[in-house]
PDB file of N, CA and C in Angstrom:
ATOM      1  N   MET A   1     116.949  94.804  69.809  1.00  0.00           N
ATOM      2  CA  MET A   1     116.709  93.710  70.792  1.00  0.00           C
ATOM      3  C   MET A   1     116.688  92.311  70.154  1.00  0.00           C
ATOM      4  N   PRO A   2     117.396  91.419  70.828  1.00  0.00           N
ATOM      5  CA  PRO A   2     117.532  90.083  70.274  1.00  0.00           C
ATOM      6  C   PRO A   2     116.219  89.338  70.238  1.00  0.00           C
ATOM      7  N   ARG A   3     116.045  88.461  69.166  1.00  0.00           N
ATOM      8  CA  ARG A   3     114.781  87.841  69.073  1.00  0.00           C
ATOM      9  C   ARG A   3     114.816  86.527  69.954  1.00  0.00           C
ATOM     10  N   SER A   4     113.650  86.133  70.290  1.00  0.00           N
ATOM     11  CA  SER A   4     113.542  84.912  71.177  1.00  0.00           C
ATOM     12  C   SER A   4     113.777  83.579  70.373  1.00  0.00           C
ATOM     13  N   ARG A   5     114.006  82.568  71.009  1.00  0.00           N
ATOM     14  CA  ARG A   5     114.150  81.257  70.325  1.00  0.00           C
ATOM     15  C   ARG A   5     112.956  80.860  69.609  1.00  0.00           C
ATOM     16  N   ARG A   6     111.790  81.159  70.137  1.00  0.00           N
ATOM     17  CA  ARG A   6     110.526  80.843  69.497  1.00  0.00           C
ATOM     18  C   ARG A   6     110.479  81.546  68.070  1.00  0.00           C
ATOM     19  N   GLU A   7     110.746  82.891  68.098  1.00  0.00           N
ATOM     20  CA  GLU A   7     110.671  83.602  66.918  1.00  0.00           C
ATOM     21  C   GLU A   7     111.606  83.016  65.816  1.00  0.00           C
ATOM     22  N   LEU A   8     112.936  82.734  66.318  1.00  0.00           N
ATOM     23  CA  LEU A   8     113.841  82.197  65.361  1.00  0.00           C
ATOM     24  C   LEU A   8     113.435  80.880  64.807  1.00  0.00           C
ATOM     25  N   ARG A   9     112.876  79.975  65.712  1.00  0.00           N
ATOM     26  CA  ARG A   9     112.448  78.626  65.205  1.00  0.00           C
ATOM     27  C   ARG A   9     111.291  78.883  64.224  1.00  0.00           C
ATOM     28  N   LEU A  10     110.344  79.758  64.482  1.00  0.00           N
ATOM     29  CA  LEU A  10     109.193  79.921  63.566  1.00  0.00           C
ATOM     30  C   LEU A  10     109.758  80.504  62.247  1.00  0.00           C
ATOM     31  N   GLU A  11     110.688  81.402  62.279  1.00  0.00           N
ATOM     32  CA  GLU A  11     111.242  81.882  61.061  1.00  0.00           C
ATOM     33  C   GLU A  11     111.919  80.834  60.210  1.00  0.00           C
ATOM     34  N   GLN A  12     112.637  79.911  60.839  1.00  0.00           N
ATOM     35  CA  GLN A  12     113.271  78.801  60.187  1.00  0.00           C
ATOM     36  C   GLN A  12     112.305  77.859  59.623  1.00  0.00           C
ATOM     37  N   GLN A  13     111.207  77.581  60.274  1.00  0.00           N
ATOM     38  CA  GLN A  13     110.152  76.713  59.746  1.00  0.00           C
ATOM     39  C   GLN A  13     109.480  77.421  58.534  1.00  0.00           C
ATOM     40  N   GLN A  14     109.324  78.631  58.601  1.00  0.00           N
ATOM     41  CA  GLN A  14     108.645  79.280  57.434  1.00  0.00           C
ATOM     42  C   GLN A  14     109.577  79.271  56.258  1.00  0.00           C
ATOM     43  N   GLN A  15     110.866  79.363  56.460  1.00  0.00           N
ATOM     44  CA  GLN A  15     111.782  79.345  55.356  1.00  0.00           C
ATOM     45  C   GLN A  15     111.911  77.922  54.758  1.00  0.00           C
ATOM     46  N   ARG A  16     111.881  76.902  55.616  1.00  0.00           N
ATOM     47  CA  ARG A  16     111.940  75.573  55.085  1.00  0.00           C
ATOM     48  C   ARG A  16     110.731  75.179  54.329  1.00  0.00           C
ATOM     49  N   GLY A  17     109.536  75.551  54.874  1.00  0.00           N
ATOM     50  CA  GLY A  17     108.257  75.188  54.266  1.00  0.00           C
ATOM     51  C   GLY A  17     107.890  75.954  53.098  1.00  0.00           C
ATOM     52  N   SER A  18     108.606  76.940  52.699  1.00  0.00           N
ATOM     53  CA  SER A  18     108.162  77.820  51.633  1.00  0.00           C
ATOM     54  C   SER A  18     108.153  77.183  50.290  1.00  0.00           C
ATOM     55  N   TRP A  19     108.871  75.978  50.092  1.00  0.00           N
ATOM     56  CA  TRP A  19     108.782  75.324  48.789  1.00  0.00           C
ATOM     57  C   TRP A  19     107.751  74.338  48.616  1.00  0.00           C
ATOM     58  N   HIS A  20     107.097  73.966  49.796  1.00  0.00           N
ATOM     59  CA  HIS A  20     106.038  72.943  49.731  1.00  0.00           C
ATOM     60  C   HIS A  20     104.845  73.336  48.875  1.00  0.00           C
ATOM     61  N   TRP A  21     104.338  74.448  48.975  1.00  0.00           N
ATOM     62  CA  TRP A  21     103.116  74.739  48.232  1.00  0.00           C
ATOM     63  C   TRP A  21     103.352  74.898  46.770  1.00  0.00           C
ATOM     64  N   PRO A  22     104.447  75.440  46.294  1.00  0.00           N
ATOM     65  CA  PRO A  22     104.685  75.435  44.726  1.00  0.00           C
ATOM     66  C   PRO A  22     104.926  74.019  44.178  1.00  0.00           C
ATOM     67  N   ALA A  23     105.580  73.216  45.027  1.00  0.00           N
ATOM     68  CA  ALA A  23     105.807  71.716  44.624  1.00  0.00           C
ATOM     69  C   ALA A  23     104.495  71.111  44.575  1.00  0.00           C
ATOM     70  N   GLY A  24     103.633  71.337  45.594  1.00  0.00           N
ATOM     71  CA  GLY A  24     102.276  70.722  45.635  1.00  0.00           C
ATOM     72  C   GLY A  24     101.429  71.090  44.407  1.00  0.00           C
ATOM     73  N   ILE A  25     101.500  72.415  44.051  1.00  0.00           N
ATOM     74  CA  ILE A  25     100.717  72.872  42.893  1.00  0.00           C
ATOM     75  C   ILE A  25     101.270  72.262  41.604  1.00  0.00           C
ATOM     76  N   ALA A  26     102.591  72.087  41.478  1.00  0.00           N
ATOM     77  CA  ALA A  26     103.161  71.534  40.229  1.00  0.00           C
ATOM     78  C   ALA A  26     102.779  70.059  40.217  1.00  0.00           C
ATOM     79  N   ILE A  27     102.869  69.311  41.323  1.00  0.00           N
ATOM     80  CA  ILE A  27     102.440  67.913  41.237  1.00  0.00           C
ATOM     81  C   ILE A  27     100.997  67.721  40.931  1.00  0.00           C
ATOM     82  N   GLY A  28     100.120  68.664  41.470  1.00  0.00           N
ATOM     83  CA  GLY A  28      98.771  68.597  41.199  1.00  0.00           C
ATOM     84  C   GLY A  28      98.428  68.822  39.740  1.00  0.00           C
ATOM     85  N   LEU A  29      99.178  69.779  39.136  1.00  0.00           N
ATOM     86  CA  LEU A  29      98.948  70.070  37.692  1.00  0.00           C
ATOM     87  C   LEU A  29      99.426  68.881  36.804  1.00  0.00           C
ATOM     88  N   LEU A  30     100.504  68.248  37.219  1.00  0.00           N
ATOM     89  CA  LEU A  30     101.039  67.055  36.509  1.00  0.00           C
ATOM     90  C   LEU A  30      99.992  65.913  36.521  1.00  0.00           C
ATOM     91  N   VAL A  31      99.430  65.706  37.702  1.00  0.00           N
ATOM     92  CA  VAL A  31      98.417  64.639  37.902  1.00  0.00           C
ATOM     93  C   VAL A  31      97.131  64.988  37.018  1.00  0.00           C
ATOM     94  N   MET A  32      96.680  66.248  37.063  1.00  0.00           N
ATOM     95  CA  MET A  32      95.544  66.652  36.261  1.00  0.00           C
ATOM     96  C   MET A  32      95.856  66.456  34.720  1.00  0.00           C
ATOM     97  N   ILE A  33      97.048  66.719  34.271  1.00  0.00           N
ATOM     98  CA  ILE A  33      97.331  66.585  32.888  1.00  0.00           C
ATOM     99  C   ILE A  33      97.383  65.073  32.529  1.00  0.00           C
ATOM    100  N   LEU A  34      98.009  64.227  33.348  1.00  0.00           N
ATOM    101  CA  LEU A  34      97.957  62.821  33.100  1.00  0.00           C
ATOM    102  C   LEU A  34      96.589  62.163  33.067  1.00  0.00           C
ATOM    103  N   VAL A  35      95.765  62.572  34.009  1.00  0.00           N
ATOM    104  CA  VAL A  35      94.344  62.110  34.032  1.00  0.00           C
ATOM    105  C   VAL A  35      93.632  62.505  32.707  1.00  0.00           C
ATOM    106  N   ASN A  36      93.866  63.753  32.333  1.00  0.00           N
ATOM    107  CA  ASN A  36      93.129  64.276  31.107  1.00  0.00           C
ATOM    108  C   ASN A  36      93.757  63.551  29.835  1.00  0.00           C
ATOM    109  N   LEU A  37      94.975  63.161  29.783  1.00  0.00           N
ATOM    110  CA  LEU A  37      95.542  62.436  28.689  1.00  0.00           C
ATOM    111  C   LEU A  37      94.926  60.994  28.744  1.00  0.00           C
ATOM    112  N   VAL A  38      94.728  60.404  29.836  1.00  0.00           N
ATOM    113  CA  VAL A  38      94.122  59.055  29.883  1.00  0.00           C
ATOM    114  C   VAL A  38      92.666  59.136  29.357  1.00  0.00           C
ATOM    115  N   PHE A  39      92.003  60.210  29.728  1.00  0.00           N
ATOM    116  CA  PHE A  39      90.548  60.359  29.286  1.00  0.00           C
ATOM    117  C   PHE A  39      90.559  60.565  27.718  1.00  0.00           C
ATOM    118  N   ILE A  40      91.459  61.346  27.235  1.00  0.00           N
ATOM    119  CA  ILE A  40      91.509  61.587  25.870  1.00  0.00           C
ATOM    120  C   ILE A  40      91.833  60.285  25.107  1.00  0.00           C
ATOM    121  N   PHE A  41      92.791  59.525  25.576  1.00  0.00           N
ATOM    122  CA  PHE A  41      93.116  58.195  24.970  1.00  0.00           C
ATOM    123  C   PHE A  41      91.917  57.252  24.907  1.00  0.00           C
ATOM    124  N   ILE A  42      91.253  57.180  26.058  1.00  0.00           N
ATOM    125  CA  ILE A  42      90.034  56.384  26.124  1.00  0.00           C
ATOM    126  C   ILE A  42      88.971  56.834  25.147  1.00  0.00           C
ATOM    127  N   ALA A  43      88.751  58.086  25.042  1.00  0.00           N
ATOM    128  CA  ALA A  43      87.670  58.656  24.164  1.00  0.00           C
ATOM    129  C   ALA A  43      88.090  58.407  22.751  1.00  0.00           C
ATOM    130  N   VAL A  44      89.324  58.585  22.351  1.00  0.00           N
ATOM    131  CA  VAL A  44      89.671  58.471  20.989  1.00  0.00           C
ATOM    132  C   VAL A  44      89.732  57.002  20.602  1.00  0.00           C
ATOM    133  N   SER A  45      90.256  56.121  21.428  1.00  0.00           N
ATOM    134  CA  SER A  45      90.453  54.753  21.003  1.00  0.00           C
ATOM    135  C   SER A  45      89.066  54.094  21.076  1.00  0.00           C
ATOM    136  N   GLY A  46      88.178  54.502  21.798  1.00  0.00           N
ATOM    137  CA  GLY A  46      86.809  53.842  21.916  1.00  0.00           C
ATOM    138  C   GLY A  46      85.711  54.510  21.086  1.00  0.00           C
ATOM    139  N   ALA A  47      86.179  55.439  20.277  1.00  0.00           N
ATOM    140  CA  ALA A  47      85.151  56.194  19.470  1.00  0.00           C
ATOM    141  C   ALA A  47      84.555  55.308  18.292  1.00  0.00           C
ATOM    142  N   ASP A  48      83.313  55.451  18.056  1.00  0.00           N
ATOM    143  CA  ASP A  48      82.642  54.805  17.021  1.00  0.00           C
ATOM    144  C   ASP A  48      83.109  55.438  15.642  1.00  0.00           C
ATOM    145  N   GLU A  49      83.069  54.557  14.570  1.00  0.00           N
ATOM    146  CA  GLU A  49      83.362  55.036  13.259  1.00  0.00           C
ATOM    147  C   GLU A  49      82.266  55.894  12.706  1.00  0.00           C
ATOM    148  N   VAL A  50      82.533  56.921  11.987  1.00  0.00           N
ATOM    149  CA  VAL A  50      81.581  57.749  11.312  1.00  0.00           C
ATOM    150  C   VAL A  50      81.114  57.046  10.071  1.00  0.00           C
ATOM    151  N   VAL A  51      79.788  56.915   9.874  1.00  0.00           N
ATOM    152  CA  VAL A  51      79.252  56.304   8.735  1.00  0.00           C
ATOM    153  C   VAL A  51      79.726  57.192   7.488  1.00  0.00           C
ATOM    154  N   PRO A  52      80.206  56.440   6.347  1.00  0.00           N
ATOM    155  CA  PRO A  52      80.648  57.239   5.214  1.00  0.00           C
ATOM    156  C   PRO A  52      79.482  58.146   4.621  1.00  0.00           C
ATOM    157  N   SER A  53      78.257  57.695   4.637  1.00  0.00           N
ATOM    158  CA  SER A  53      77.124  58.476   4.136  1.00  0.00           C
ATOM    159  C   SER A  53      76.961  59.861   4.858  1.00  0.00           C
ATOM    160  N   TYR A  54      77.422  59.887   6.080  1.00  0.00           N
ATOM    161  CA  TYR A  54      77.307  61.136   6.854  1.00  0.00           C
ATOM    162  C   TYR A  54      78.165  62.131   6.248  1.00  0.00           C
ATOM    163  N   ASN A  55      79.413  61.758   5.714  1.00  0.00           N
ATOM    164  CA  ASN A  55      80.338  62.686   5.266  1.00  0.00           C
ATOM    165  C   ASN A  55      80.003  63.046   3.776  1.00  0.00           C
ATOM    166  N   ILE A  56      79.277  62.182   3.069  1.00  0.00           N
ATOM    167  CA  ILE A  56      79.104  62.371   1.630  1.00  0.00           C
ATOM    168  C   ILE A  56      77.743  62.994   1.307  1.00  0.00           C
ATOM    169  N   GLU A  57      76.668  62.556   1.898  1.00  0.00           N
ATOM    170  CA  GLU A  57      75.374  63.064   1.556  1.00  0.00           C
ATOM    171  C   GLU A  57      75.182  64.483   2.067  1.00  0.00           C
ATOM    172  N   ALA A  58      74.255  65.168   1.263  1.00  0.00           N
ATOM    173  CA  ALA A  58      73.878  66.509   1.629  1.00  0.00           C
ATOM    174  C   ALA A  58      73.053  66.585   2.835  1.00  0.00           C
ATOM    175  N   ARG A  59      73.087  67.554   3.531  1.00  0.00           N
ATOM    176  CA  ARG A  59      72.278  67.703   4.782  1.00  0.00           C
ATOM    177  C   ARG A  59      71.129  68.703   4.547  1.00  0.00           C
TER     178      ARG A  59
END
């Protein structure tokens, strides 16, 4: 039995939209990595120096 136009249109929409969610996940991961790299850069560049006596003296 032939499919209706509605069924064909729905099937076409599903095929076209099937790449959106993987692309969204990939973009989200890239944004998360970039934000983490910025946080790491800020933490490392703004870190206080360790006092030399902390490394040398016995604890």
